[in-house]
C-alpha atoms as a PDB file:
ATOM      1  CA  MET A   1     -20.513  -7.619 -23.171  1.00  0.00           C
ATOM      2  CA  SER A   2     -20.287  -4.870 -20.500  1.00  0.00           C
ATOM      3  CA  GLN A   3     -20.092  -1.271 -21.653  1.00  0.00           C
ATOM      4  CA  THR A   4     -17.868  -0.388 -18.681  1.00  0.00           C
ATOM      5  CA  VAL A   5     -15.938  -3.451 -17.516  1.00  0.00           C
ATOM      6  CA  VAL A   6     -13.477  -4.413 -20.263  1.00  0.00           C
ATOM      7  CA  GLN A   7     -11.562  -7.178 -18.476  1.00  0.00           C
ATOM      8  CA  VAL A   8     -11.994  -9.385 -15.371  1.00  0.00           C
ATOM      9  CA  ALA A   9      -9.275 -11.448 -13.731  1.00  0.00           C
ATOM     10  CA  PRO A  10      -8.974 -13.367 -10.466  1.00  0.00           C
ATOM     11  CA  LEU A  11      -7.099 -11.847  -7.537  1.00  0.00           C
ATOM     12  CA  GLY A  12      -3.787 -13.651  -7.148  1.00  0.00           C
ATOM     13  CA  PHE A  13      -0.832 -12.908  -4.894  1.00  0.00           C
ATOM     14  CA  PRO A  14       0.361 -10.280  -5.546  1.00  0.00           C
ATOM     15  CA  TRP A  15      -2.363  -8.452  -7.448  1.00  0.00           C
ATOM     16  CA  VAL A  16      -1.462  -7.689 -11.030  1.00  0.00           C
ATOM     17  CA  THR A  17      -1.475  -3.965 -11.814  1.00  0.00           C
ATOM     18  CA  ALA A  18      -1.079  -1.765 -14.885  1.00  0.00           C
ATOM     19  CA  ASP A  19       1.453   1.006 -15.676  1.00  0.00           C
ATOM     20  CA  PRO A  20       2.259   3.234 -13.721  1.00  0.00           C
ATOM     21  CA  PHE A  21       1.775   0.693 -10.937  1.00  0.00           C
ATOM     22  CA  LEU A  22       4.030  -2.325 -10.590  1.00  0.00           C
ATOM     23  CA  PHE A  23       1.999  -4.534  -8.275  1.00  0.00           C
ATOM     24  CA  CYS A  24      -0.129  -4.521  -5.135  1.00  0.00           C
ATOM     25  CA  VAL A  25      -0.017  -6.866  -2.174  1.00  0.00           C
ATOM     26  CA  HIS A  26      -2.942  -7.294   0.216  1.00  0.00           C
ATOM     27  CA  HIS A  27      -1.616  -8.689   3.509  1.00  0.00           C
ATOM     28  CA  LEU A  28      -4.272 -10.046   5.889  1.00  0.00           C
ATOM     29  CA  ASP A  29      -2.956 -11.976   8.868  1.00  0.00           C
ATOM     30  CA  ALA A  30      -4.738 -13.089  12.026  1.00  0.00           C
ATOM     31  CA  TYR A  31      -1.813 -12.811  14.431  1.00  0.00           C
ATOM     32  CA  PRO A  32      -2.419 -14.166  17.921  1.00  0.00           C
ATOM     33  CA  GLU A  33      -1.685 -12.548  21.278  1.00  0.00           C
ATOM     34  CA  GLY A  34       1.799 -11.044  21.549  1.00  0.00           C
ATOM     35  CA  ASN A  35       4.646 -12.078  23.846  1.00  0.00           C
ATOM     36  CA  GLU A  36       7.152 -10.031  25.835  1.00  0.00           C
ATOM     37  CA  LYS A  37       9.285  -9.526  22.697  1.00  0.00           C
ATOM     38  CA  LEU A  38       6.358  -8.239  20.575  1.00  0.00           C
ATOM     39  CA  GLY A  39       6.280 -11.472  18.632  1.00  0.00           C
ATOM     40  CA  PRO A  40       3.524 -14.062  18.518  1.00  0.00           C
ATOM     41  CA  ALA A  41       2.708 -15.897  21.759  1.00  0.00           C
ATOM     42  CA  ALA A  42       2.477 -19.177  19.866  1.00  0.00           C
ATOM     43  CA  SER A  43       4.658 -22.048  18.735  1.00  0.00           C
ATOM     44  CA  LEU A  44       6.720 -21.397  15.620  1.00  0.00           C
ATOM     45  CA  ALA A  45       7.211 -25.131  14.962  1.00  0.00           C
ATOM     46  CA  GLY A  46       6.710 -26.116  11.351  1.00  0.00           C
ATOM     47  CA  ARG A  47       7.393 -22.627  10.002  1.00  0.00           C
ATOM     48  CA  ASP A  48      10.122 -21.725   7.492  1.00  0.00           C
ATOM     49  CA  ILE A  49      11.475 -18.991   9.701  1.00  0.00           C
ATOM     50  CA  GLY A  50      12.911 -16.168   7.624  1.00  0.00           C
ATOM     51  CA  GLN A  51      10.923 -17.209   4.567  1.00  0.00           C
ATOM     52  CA  ASP A  52       7.465 -17.922   6.014  1.00  0.00           C
ATOM     53  CA  PHE A  53       4.803 -17.037   3.483  1.00  0.00           C
ATOM     54  CA  ALA A  54       2.702 -20.175   3.998  1.00  0.00           C
ATOM     55  CA  GLY A  55      -0.083 -18.621   6.062  1.00  0.00           C
ATOM     56  CA  LYS A  56      -0.107 -21.486   8.565  1.00  0.00           C
ATOM     57  CA  ASP A  57      -2.812 -20.941  11.219  1.00  0.00           C
ATOM     58  CA  GLY A  58      -3.898 -17.785   9.358  1.00  0.00           C
ATOM     59  CA  TRP A  59      -0.699 -15.810   9.754  1.00  0.00           C
ATOM     60  CA  ARG A  60       2.867 -15.603   8.528  1.00  0.00           C
ATOM     61  CA  MET A  61       6.214 -14.557   9.980  1.00  0.00           C
ATOM     62  CA  TYR A  62       7.385 -13.276   6.568  1.00  0.00           C
ATOM     63  CA  HIS A  63      11.145 -12.733   6.931  1.00  0.00           C
ATOM     64  CA  GLY A  64      11.206 -11.943  10.634  1.00  0.00           C
ATOM     65  CA  ASP A  65      12.389 -14.515  13.150  1.00  0.00           C
ATOM     66  CA  VAL A  66      11.012 -12.882  16.355  1.00  0.00           C
ATOM     67  CA  VAL A  67       8.654 -10.086  15.324  1.00  0.00           C
ATOM     68  CA  PRO A  68       6.756 -10.651  12.052  1.00  0.00           C
ATOM     69  CA  GLY A  69       7.753  -8.441   9.180  1.00  0.00           C
ATOM     70  CA  PHE A  70      10.482  -7.577   6.732  1.00  0.00           C
ATOM     71  CA  PRO A  71      13.940  -6.775   8.216  1.00  0.00           C
ATOM     72  CA  GLY A  72      16.209  -4.298   6.416  1.00  0.00           C
ATOM     73  CA  HIS A  73      16.133  -4.594   2.633  1.00  0.00           C
ATOM     74  CA  PRO A  74      17.030  -2.243  -0.256  1.00  0.00           C
ATOM     75  CA  HIS A  75      14.982  -0.548  -3.021  1.00  0.00           C
ATOM     76  CA  ARG A  76      15.836   1.636  -5.994  1.00  0.00           C
ATOM     77  CA  GLY A  77      13.841   3.194  -8.834  1.00  0.00           C
ATOM     78  CA  PHE A  78      10.226   3.264  -7.619  1.00  0.00           C
ATOM     79  CA  GLU A  79       7.957   4.121  -4.689  1.00  0.00           C
ATOM     80  CA  THR A  80       6.029   2.176  -2.071  1.00  0.00           C
ATOM     81  CA  VAL A  81       2.626   3.326  -0.812  1.00  0.00           C
ATOM     82  CA  THR A  82       1.662   1.415   2.310  1.00  0.00           C
ATOM     83  CA  ILE A  83      -1.929   1.656   3.604  1.00  0.00           C
ATOM     84  CA  VAL A  84      -2.310   0.065   7.047  1.00  0.00           C
ATOM     85  CA  ARG A  85      -5.951  -0.765   7.730  1.00  0.00           C
ATOM     86  CA  ARG A  86      -5.422  -2.753  10.957  1.00  0.00           C
ATOM     87  CA  GLY A  87      -2.421  -3.343  13.171  1.00  0.00           C
ATOM     88  CA  LEU A  88       0.866  -1.444  13.219  1.00  0.00           C
ATOM     89  CA  ILE A  89       4.092  -1.145  11.254  1.00  0.00           C
ATOM     90  CA  ASP A  90       7.413  -0.168  12.829  1.00  0.00           C
ATOM     91  CA  HIS A  91       9.497   1.512  10.109  1.00  0.00           C
ATOM     92  CA  SER A  92      13.258   2.257  10.150  1.00  0.00           C
ATOM     93  CA  ASP A  93      15.440   3.287   7.229  1.00  0.00           C
ATOM     94  CA  SER A  94      18.918   4.153   6.075  1.00  0.00           C
ATOM     95  CA  LEU A  95      18.103   7.875   6.147  1.00  0.00           C
ATOM     96  CA  GLY A  96      17.740   7.596   9.892  1.00  0.00           C
ATOM     97  CA  ALA A  97      13.961   8.039   9.676  1.00  0.00           C
ATOM     98  CA  ALA A  98      11.649   5.921  11.816  1.00  0.00           C
ATOM     99  CA  ALA A  99       7.935   5.566  12.417  1.00  0.00           C
ATOM    100  CA  ARG A 100       5.128   3.592  14.030  1.00  0.00           C
ATOM    101  CA  PHE A 101       1.920   3.835  12.052  1.00  0.00           C
ATOM    102  CA  GLY A 102      -1.366   1.981  11.515  1.00  0.00           C
ATOM    103  CA  GLY A 103      -5.144   2.168  11.826  1.00  0.00           C
ATOM    104  CA  GLY A 104      -5.671   3.931   8.494  1.00  0.00           C
ATOM    105  CA  ASP A 105      -2.315   5.717   8.257  1.00  0.00           C
ATOM    106  CA  VAL A 106      -0.410   5.789   4.943  1.00  0.00           C
ATOM    107  CA  GLN A 107       3.319   5.841   4.397  1.00  0.00           C
ATOM    108  CA  TRP A 108       4.668   7.041   1.049  1.00  0.00           C
ATOM    109  CA  LEU A 109       8.310   6.181   0.413  1.00  0.00           C
ATOM    110  CA  THR A 110      10.256   7.297  -2.652  1.00  0.00           C
ATOM    111  CA  ALA A 111      13.160   4.877  -2.988  1.00  0.00           C
ATOM    112  CA  GLY A 112      14.670   6.864  -5.835  1.00  0.00           C
ATOM    113  CA  ALA A 113      18.469   6.469  -5.994  1.00  0.00           C
ATOM    114  CA  GLY A 114      18.353   3.941  -3.158  1.00  0.00           C
ATOM    115  CA  ILE A 115      17.131   3.317   0.343  1.00  0.00           C
ATOM    116  CA  VAL A 116      17.215   0.475   2.850  1.00  0.00           C
ATOM    117  CA  HIS A 117      14.225   0.073   5.141  1.00  0.00           C
ATOM    118  CA  SER A 118      12.631  -2.409   7.510  1.00  0.00           C
ATOM    119  CA  GLU A 119       8.910  -3.000   8.058  1.00  0.00           C
ATOM    120  CA  MET A 120       8.100  -4.902  11.250  1.00  0.00           C
ATOM    121  CA  PHE A 121       4.671  -5.761  12.681  1.00  0.00           C
ATOM    122  CA  PRO A 122       4.840  -5.458  16.481  1.00  0.00           C
ATOM    123  CA  LEU A 123       2.192  -7.435  18.330  1.00  0.00           C
ATOM    124  CA  LEU A 124       1.487  -5.090  21.211  1.00  0.00           C
ATOM    125  CA  LYS A 125      -1.661  -6.717  22.657  1.00  0.00           C
ATOM    126  CA  ARG A 126      -0.837  -9.515  25.088  1.00  0.00           C
ATOM    127  CA  GLU A 127      -4.361 -10.652  25.973  1.00  0.00           C
ATOM    128  CA  GLU A 128      -6.152 -10.462  22.629  1.00  0.00           C
ATOM    129  CA  PRO A 129      -5.356 -11.116  18.944  1.00  0.00           C
ATOM    130  CA  ASN A 130      -3.254  -8.698  16.876  1.00  0.00           C
ATOM    131  CA  PRO A 131      -4.738  -8.761  13.311  1.00  0.00           C
ATOM    132  CA  VAL A 132      -2.720  -6.978  10.641  1.00  0.00           C
ATOM    133  CA  GLU A 133      -4.204  -5.852   7.321  1.00  0.00           C
ATOM    134  CA  LEU A 134      -2.450  -3.642   4.831  1.00  0.00           C
ATOM    135  CA  PHE A 135      -1.991  -2.841   1.153  1.00  0.00           C
ATOM    136  CA  GLN A 136       1.481  -2.209  -0.212  1.00  0.00           C
ATOM    137  CA  ILE A 137       1.402  -0.673  -3.680  1.00  0.00           C
ATOM    138  CA  TRP A 138       4.526  -0.283  -5.818  1.00  0.00           C
ATOM    139  CA  LEU A 139       4.318   2.838  -8.019  1.00  0.00           C
ATOM    140  CA  ASN A 140       6.942   3.203 -10.742  1.00  0.00           C
ATOM    141  CA  LEU A 141       9.118   6.284 -11.308  1.00  0.00           C
ATOM    142  CA  PRO A 142       9.908   7.674 -14.769  1.00  0.00           C
ATOM    143  CA  SER A 143      13.525   7.515 -15.934  1.00  0.00           C
ATOM    144  CA  THR A 144      14.081  11.187 -15.090  1.00  0.00           C
ATOM    145  CA  ASP A 145      13.234  10.514 -11.419  1.00  0.00           C
ATOM    146  CA  LYS A 146      14.612   7.024 -10.794  1.00  0.00           C
ATOM    147  CA  MET A 147      17.745   8.493  -9.231  1.00  0.00           C
ATOM    148  CA  ALA A 148      15.940  11.190  -7.230  1.00  0.00           C
ATOM    149  CA  PRO A 149      16.916  11.568  -3.571  1.00  0.00           C
ATOM    150  CA  PRO A 150      14.953   9.134  -1.416  1.00  0.00           C
ATOM    151  CA  HIS A 151      12.035  10.654   0.471  1.00  0.00           C
ATOM    152  CA  PHE A 152       9.986   9.470   3.443  1.00  0.00           C
ATOM    153  CA  SER A 153       6.533  10.899   4.265  1.00  0.00           C
ATOM    154  CA  MET A 154       3.524  10.032   6.395  1.00  0.00           C
ATOM    155  CA  SER A 155      -0.203  10.716   5.935  1.00  0.00           C
ATOM    156  CA  TRP A 156      -1.996  10.227   9.254  1.00  0.00           C
ATOM    157  CA  SER A 157      -5.476   8.717   9.181  1.00  0.00           C
ATOM    158  CA  GLU A 158      -6.934  11.827  10.773  1.00  0.00           C
ATOM    159  CA  GLN A 159      -5.656  13.948   7.871  1.00  0.00           C
ATOM    160  CA  ILE A 160      -6.747  11.732   4.974  1.00  0.00           C
ATOM    161  CA  PRO A 161      -9.940  12.981   3.287  1.00  0.00           C
ATOM    162  CA  ARG A 162     -12.981  10.703   3.278  1.00  0.00           C
ATOM    163  CA  VAL A 163     -16.172  11.270   1.359  1.00  0.00           C
ATOM    164  CA  ARG A 164     -19.244   9.656   2.910  1.00  0.00           C
ATOM    165  CA  GLU A 165     -22.665   9.510   1.287  1.00  0.00           C
ATOM    166  CA  VAL A 166     -25.845   8.099   2.921  1.00  0.00           C
ATOM    167  CA  ASP A 167     -28.933   7.318   0.799  1.00  0.00           C
ATOM    168  CA  ALA A 168     -32.579   7.682   1.792  1.00  0.00           C
ATOM    169  CA  GLN A 169     -32.548   4.147   3.299  1.00  0.00           C
ATOM    170  CA  GLY A 170     -29.586   5.012   5.521  1.00  0.00           C
ATOM    171  CA  ARG A 171     -27.069   2.925   3.538  1.00  0.00           C
ATOM    172  CA  ALA A 172     -23.627   4.479   3.569  1.00  0.00           C
ATOM    173  CA  ALA A 173     -20.796   4.512   1.011  1.00  0.00           C
ATOM    174  CA  GLU A 174     -17.388   5.951   2.003  1.00  0.00           C
ATOM    175  CA  ILE A 175     -14.439   6.715  -0.263  1.00  0.00           C
ATOM    176  CA  THR A 176     -10.996   7.259   1.279  1.00  0.00           C
ATOM    177  CA  ILE A 177      -8.728   9.375  -0.898  1.00  0.00           C
ATOM    178  CA  VAL A 178      -5.106   8.271  -0.538  1.00  0.00           C
ATOM    179  CA  ALA A 179      -4.042   9.936  -3.814  1.00  0.00           C
ATOM    180  CA  GLY A 180      -5.829  12.123  -6.307  1.00  0.00           C
ATOM    181  CA  ALA A 181      -9.032  14.094  -5.899  1.00  0.00           C
ATOM    182  CA  LEU A 182     -12.765  13.509  -5.705  1.00  0.00           C
ATOM    183  CA  GLY A 183     -14.767  16.655  -6.320  1.00  0.00           C
ATOM    184  CA  ASN A 184     -13.472  19.317  -3.904  1.00  0.00           C
ATOM    185  CA  HIS A 185     -11.703  16.725  -1.767  1.00  0.00           C
ATOM    186  CA  ARG A 186      -8.010  16.301  -2.548  1.00  0.00           C
ATOM    187  CA  ALA A 187      -5.491  13.892  -0.995  1.00  0.00           C
ATOM    188  CA  LEU A 188      -2.417  15.100   0.863  1.00  0.00           C
ATOM    189  CA  SER A 189       0.481  15.968  -1.444  1.00  0.00           C
ATOM    190  CA  PRO A 190       2.599  13.035  -2.609  1.00  0.00           C
ATOM    191  CA  PRO A 191       6.409  13.229  -2.442  1.00  0.00           C
ATOM    192  CA  PRO A 192       7.889  15.895  -4.698  1.00  0.00           C
ATOM    193  CA  ARG A 193       9.459  13.554  -7.268  1.00  0.00           C
ATOM    194  CA  SER A 194       6.592  11.061  -7.369  1.00  0.00           C
ATOM    195  CA  TRP A 195       4.805  10.356 -10.652  1.00  0.00           C
ATOM    196  CA  ALA A 196       1.677  11.216  -8.690  1.00  0.00           C
ATOM    197  CA  SER A 197       3.005  14.760  -8.108  1.00  0.00           C
ATOM    198  CA  ARG A 198       2.729  15.562 -11.843  1.00  0.00           C
ATOM    199  CA  PRO A 199      -0.598  17.234 -12.505  1.00  0.00           C
ATOM    200  CA  ASP A 200      -1.189  15.339 -15.750  1.00  0.00           C
ATOM    201  CA  SER A 201      -0.449  11.888 -14.291  1.00  0.00           C
ATOM    202  CA  ASP A 202      -4.024  11.574 -12.942  1.00  0.00           C
ATOM    203  CA  VAL A 203      -2.874   9.098 -10.273  1.00  0.00           C
ATOM    204  CA  ALA A 204      -5.659   8.170  -7.891  1.00  0.00           C
ATOM    205  CA  ILE A 205      -5.623   5.604  -5.063  1.00  0.00           C
ATOM    206  CA  TRP A 206      -9.013   5.232  -3.370  1.00  0.00           C
ATOM    207  CA  THR A 207     -10.529   2.652  -1.073  1.00  0.00           C
ATOM    208  CA  ILE A 208     -14.299   2.277  -1.317  1.00  0.00           C
ATOM    209  CA  ASP A 209     -16.461   0.841   1.432  1.00  0.00           C
ATOM    210  CA  LEU A 210     -20.103   0.041   0.633  1.00  0.00           C
ATOM    211  CA  GLU A 211     -22.605  -1.071   3.218  1.00  0.00           C
ATOM    212  CA  PRO A 212     -25.048  -3.811   2.073  1.00  0.00           C
ATOM    213  CA  GLY A 213     -27.166  -2.378  -0.739  1.00  0.00           C
ATOM    214  CA  ALA A 214     -25.299   0.959  -0.795  1.00  0.00           C
ATOM    215  CA  SER A 215     -24.092   2.592  -4.005  1.00  0.00           C
ATOM    216  CA  CYS A 216     -21.786   5.343  -5.164  1.00  0.00           C
ATOM    217  CA  THR A 217     -20.619   6.837  -8.458  1.00  0.00           C
ATOM    218  CA  LEU A 218     -16.944   7.192  -9.381  1.00  0.00           C
ATOM    219  CA  PRO A 219     -16.484  10.194 -11.700  1.00  0.00           C
ATOM    220  CA  ARG A 220     -14.571   9.750 -14.920  1.00  0.00           C
ATOM    221  CA  ALA A 221     -10.810  10.307 -14.882  1.00  0.00           C
ATOM    222  CA  GLU A 222      -9.447  13.685 -15.842  1.00  0.00           C
ATOM    223  CA  SER A 223      -6.897  12.298 -18.330  1.00  0.00           C
ATOM    224  CA  PRO A 224      -8.190  10.451 -21.371  1.00  0.00           C
ATOM    225  CA  ARG A 225      -5.124   8.253 -21.182  1.00  0.00           C
ATOM    226  CA  ALA A 226      -5.570   7.145 -17.586  1.00  0.00           C
ATOM    227  CA  GLY A 227      -6.075   3.471 -16.848  1.00  0.00           C
ATOM    228  CA  ARG A 228      -8.397   2.397 -14.036  1.00  0.00           C
ATOM    229  CA  VAL A 229      -8.612  -0.954 -12.204  1.00  0.00           C
ATOM    230  CA  LEU A 230     -11.066  -1.910  -9.458  1.00  0.00           C
ATOM    231  CA  TYR A 231      -9.932  -4.618  -7.024  1.00  0.00           C
ATOM    232  CA  PHE A 232     -13.052  -6.104  -5.421  1.00  0.00           C
ATOM    233  CA  PHE A 233     -11.610  -7.886  -2.399  1.00  0.00           C
ATOM    234  CA  ARG A 234     -14.416  -8.198   0.119  1.00  0.00           C
ATOM    235  CA  GLY A 235     -18.095  -8.992  -0.303  1.00  0.00           C
ATOM    236  CA  ASP A 236     -20.385 -11.356  -2.226  1.00  0.00           C
ATOM    237  CA  VAL A 237     -21.755  -9.397  -5.147  1.00  0.00           C
ATOM    238  CA  LEU A 238     -20.764  -6.027  -6.624  1.00  0.00           C
ATOM    239  CA  ARG A 239     -22.633  -4.407  -9.492  1.00  0.00           C
ATOM    240  CA  VAL A 240     -20.397  -2.258 -11.695  1.00  0.00           C
ATOM    241  CA  ASP A 241     -22.784  -0.404 -14.033  1.00  0.00           C
ATOM    242  CA  ASP A 242     -24.200  -3.216 -16.188  1.00  0.00           C
ATOM    243  CA  HIS A 243     -21.728  -5.857 -14.952  1.00  0.00           C
ATOM    244  CA  VAL A 244     -22.502  -8.107 -11.968  1.00  0.00           C
ATOM    245  CA  GLN A 245     -19.386  -9.435 -10.292  1.00  0.00           C
ATOM    246  CA  ARG A 246     -19.810 -12.425  -7.991  1.00  0.00           C
ATOM    247  CA  GLY A 247     -16.763 -12.862  -5.760  1.00  0.00           C
ATOM    248  CA  ALA A 248     -13.347 -11.224  -5.607  1.00  0.00           C
ATOM    249  CA  ALA A 249     -11.821  -9.992  -8.865  1.00  0.00           C
ATOM    250  CA  ALA A 250      -9.714  -7.369 -10.542  1.00  0.00           C
ATOM    251  CA  MET A 251     -11.744  -5.436 -13.083  1.00  0.00           C
ATOM    252  CA  VAL A 252     -10.301  -3.157 -15.716  1.00  0.00           C
ATOM    253  CA  VAL A 253     -12.913  -0.477 -16.308  1.00  0.00           C
ATOM    254  CA  ARG A 254     -13.223   2.390 -18.731  1.00  0.00           C
ATOM    255  CA  SER A 255     -11.972   5.597 -17.240  1.00  0.00           C
ATOM    256  CA  ASP A 256     -13.694   7.955 -19.658  1.00  0.00           C
ATOM    257  CA  ARG A 257     -17.095   7.521 -18.079  1.00  0.00           C
ATOM    258  CA  ASP A 258     -18.705   7.679 -14.663  1.00  0.00           C
ATOM    259  CA  VAL A 259     -18.939   4.279 -12.985  1.00  0.00           C
ATOM    260  CA  ARG A 260     -21.713   3.336 -10.586  1.00  0.00           C
ATOM    261  CA  LEU A 261     -20.978   0.728  -7.919  1.00  0.00           C
ATOM    262  CA  GLU A 262     -23.667  -1.038  -5.900  1.00  0.00           C
ATOM    263  CA  ALA A 263     -23.145  -3.591  -3.148  1.00  0.00           C
ATOM    264  CA  GLY A 264     -25.177  -6.794  -2.903  1.00  0.00           C
ATOM    265  CA  ALA A 265     -26.444  -8.336   0.321  1.00  0.00           C
ATOM    266  CA  GLU A 266     -23.034  -8.073   2.009  1.00  0.00           C
ATOM    267  CA  ARG A 267     -20.703  -5.186   2.721  1.00  0.00           C
ATOM    268  CA  CYS A 268     -18.321  -4.646  -0.202  1.00  0.00           C
ATOM    269  CA  GLU A 269     -14.838  -3.147  -0.291  1.00  0.00           C
ATOM    270  CA  VAL A 270     -12.867  -2.083  -3.337  1.00  0.00           C
ATOM    271  CA  LEU A 271      -9.420  -0.655  -3.970  1.00  0.00           C
ATOM    272  CA  MET A 272      -9.164   1.579  -7.019  1.00  0.00           C
ATOM    273  CA  LEU A 273      -5.838   2.242  -8.752  1.00  0.00           C
ATOM    274  CA  GLN A 274      -5.804   4.811 -11.574  1.00  0.00           C
ATOM    275  CA  GLY A 275      -3.133   6.627 -13.468  1.00  0.00           C
ATOM    276  CA  ARG A 276      -1.714   7.719 -16.783  1.00  0.00           C
ATOM    277  CA  PRO A 277       0.917   5.222 -17.959  1.00  0.00           C
ATOM    278  CA  ILE A 278       4.574   6.240 -17.776  1.00  0.00           C
ATOM    279  CA  GLY A 279       5.091   4.330 -20.994  1.00  0.00           C
ATOM    280  CA  GLU A 280       8.763   3.411 -20.505  1.00  0.00           C
ATOM    281  CA  PRO A 281      10.518   0.008 -20.495  1.00  0.00           C
ATOM    282  CA  VAL A 282      10.538  -1.753 -17.104  1.00  0.00           C
ATOM    283  CA  ALA A 283      13.549  -3.830 -16.037  1.00  0.00           C
ATOM    284  CA  GLN A 284      12.945  -5.360 -12.590  1.00  0.00           C
ATOM    285  CA  HIS A 285      14.929  -7.764 -10.467  1.00  0.00           C
ATOM    286  CA  GLY A 286      13.829  -8.226  -6.864  1.00  0.00           C
ATOM    287  CA  PRO A 287      13.880  -4.887  -5.037  1.00  0.00           C
ATOM    288  CA  PHE A 288      15.182  -2.812  -7.941  1.00  0.00           C
ATOM    289  CA  VAL A 289      13.142  -1.380 -10.817  1.00  0.00           C
ATOM    290  CA  MET A 290      14.968   0.411 -13.618  1.00  0.00           C
ATOM    291  CA  ASN A 291      14.579   0.836 -17.389  1.00  0.00           C
ATOM    292  CA  ARG A 292      17.463  -1.283 -18.646  1.00  0.00           C
ATOM    293  CA  ARG A 293      19.338  -4.410 -17.548  1.00  0.00           C
ATOM    294  CA  ASP A 294      22.669  -2.536 -17.227  1.00  0.00           C
ATOM    295  CA  GLU A 295      20.948  -0.165 -14.782  1.00  0.00           C
ATOM    296  CA  LEU A 296      19.895  -3.150 -12.697  1.00  0.00           C
ATOM    297  CA  VAL A 297      23.488  -4.416 -12.637  1.00  0.00           C
ATOM    298  CA  LYS A 298      24.614  -0.951 -11.518  1.00  0.00           C
ATOM    299  CA  ALA A 299      21.938  -0.932  -8.790  1.00  0.00           C
ATOM    300  CA  PHE A 300      23.292  -4.189  -7.337  1.00  0.00           C
ATOM    301  CA  GLU A 301      26.888  -2.956  -7.597  1.00  0.00           C
ATOM    302  CA  ASP A 302      26.014   0.352  -5.889  1.00  0.00           C
ATOM    303  CA  TYR A 303      24.163  -1.404  -3.095  1.00  0.00           C
ATOM    304  CA  GLN A 304      27.017  -3.828  -2.463  1.00  0.00           C
ATOM    305  CA  ARG A 305      29.504  -0.945  -2.393  1.00  0.00           C
ATOM    306  CA  THR A 306      27.573   1.693  -0.444  1.00  0.00           C
ATOM    307  CA  ARG A 307      24.627  -0.048   1.228  1.00  0.00           C
ATOM    308  CA  PHE A 308      22.763   3.070   0.126  1.00  0.00           C
ATOM    309  CA  GLY A 309      24.181   5.061   2.983  1.00  0.00           C
ATOM    310  CA  GLY A 310      24.491   2.312   5.568  1.00  0.00           C
ATOM    311  CA  TRP A 311      22.256   1.092   8.373  1.00  0.00           C
ATOM    312  CA  PRO A 312      22.146   3.249  11.530  1.00  0.00           C
ATOM    313  CA  TRP A 313      20.180   0.747  13.657  1.00  0.00           C
ATOM    314  CA  PRO A 314      21.424  -1.872  16.137  1.00  0.00           C
ATOM    315  CA  SER A 315      19.686  -4.761  14.346  1.00  0.00           C
ATOM    316  CA  ASP A 316      18.244  -5.634  10.927  1.00  0.00           C
ATOM    317  CA  ALA A 317      14.753  -5.796  12.418  1.00  0.00           C
ATOM    318  CA  PRO A 318      14.374  -2.900  14.899  1.00  0.00           C
ATOM    319  CA  VAL A 319      11.096  -2.349  16.723  1.00  0.00           C
ATOM    320  CA  HIS A 320      10.057   0.560  18.867  1.00  0.00           C
ATOM    321  CA  PRO A 321       9.189   0.305  22.576  1.00  0.00           C
ATOM    322  CA  ARG A 322       5.846  -1.264  23.477  1.00  0.00           C
ATOM    323  CA  GLU A 323       4.608   1.977  25.046  1.00  0.00           C
ATOM    324  CA  GLU A 324       5.421   4.112  22.011  1.00  0.00           C
ATOM    325  CA  GLY A 325       2.395   5.559  20.146  1.00  0.00           C
ATOM    326  CA  ARG A 326       2.058   6.453  16.475  1.00  0.00           C
ATOM    327  CA  PHE A 327       4.862   8.771  15.426  1.00  0.00           C
ATOM    328  CA  ALA A 328       7.333   9.618  12.679  1.00  0.00           C
ATOM    329  CA  ARG A 329      10.897  10.822  13.135  1.00  0.00           C
ATOM    330  CA  HIS A 330      12.271  12.299   9.945  1.00  0.00           C
ATOM    331  CA  ALA A 331      15.891  12.158   8.814  1.00  0.00           C
ATOM    332  CA  ASP A 332      16.440  15.744  10.047  1.00  0.00           C
ATOM    333  CA  GLY A 333      15.276  14.760  13.547  1.00  0.00           C
ATOM    334  CA  ARG A 334      11.872  16.371  13.310  1.00  0.00           C
ATOM    335  CA  ILE A 335       9.252  14.436  15.290  1.00  0.00           C
ATOM    336  CA  GLU A 336       5.711  14.212  13.888  1.00  0.00           C
ATOM    337  CA  ARG A 337       2.624  12.770  15.516  1.00  0.00           C
ATOM    338  CA  PRO A 338      -1.033  12.619  14.545  1.00  0.00           C
ATOM    339  CA  ASN A 339      -2.880  15.931  15.126  1.00  0.00           C
ATOM    340  CA  THR A 340       0.372  17.819  15.647  1.00  0.00           C
END
């Protein structure tokens, strides 16, 4: 029995998470060349357009019918943290905010009292493939913040702290800090009403990249109540202290001790989710996450009545012009770009 790894489970779809997280999805799609409409330059025959999750030919249309992605849909009562590793997302929402982000950028969206947003994957390259890889993590909100005003924020890749260590043999390990802190390196501030914004929540979201044979040590959590799960999603063998993991898995590890990771003969990648549990009842139905069933009923009624402020875009699946770069336009009209 391992002294550090207390539970091991296979990676399904989506990945199972622990309070305060609701779930995590790892999207990895080998989209082909794009066409003039920013969709795939390929036949869509045999696909369940609008509900395509099959992964035919290595990619999916999801709910889009021209550009892959998720047209406008509502949320209430939680947050989404979207880490785009490859490819781009075109975001639009009912606040009037919009963005194009990718290549290591992170979007943090507090749905709170209610928001409608779309997430489309424009295929800009016309003469080469357009792979898309991202994590979307659902982070719960406590009852006191479930009806907080919705909030949209961006963390550009250039701003996100990364800690890189190279051993005597030249093998590198890099930790990207999306949330939380590692030593003197602290992530950008989460939204103001996020569970992660509470100092005692000990929320940490890190991605860990180990070259073959490289190692690193994850320091113990600050809170004795924090849970910690390692999602080993790429590589052949990963040693976690005294546990040897062969192949992809979710590993619940003790958070009250330092944890040493060491890659095998292949490069290894890990997502770490850590946080103190909220410890409240969870009532979820589709895009709404509340504490009680009557609150879910109210969420559906409110959405049907108000559409959470309406939809200020000409279509359910808006995409930005091909020539547009990475940007964010906030609800107040402020334009934000990387390095500005």
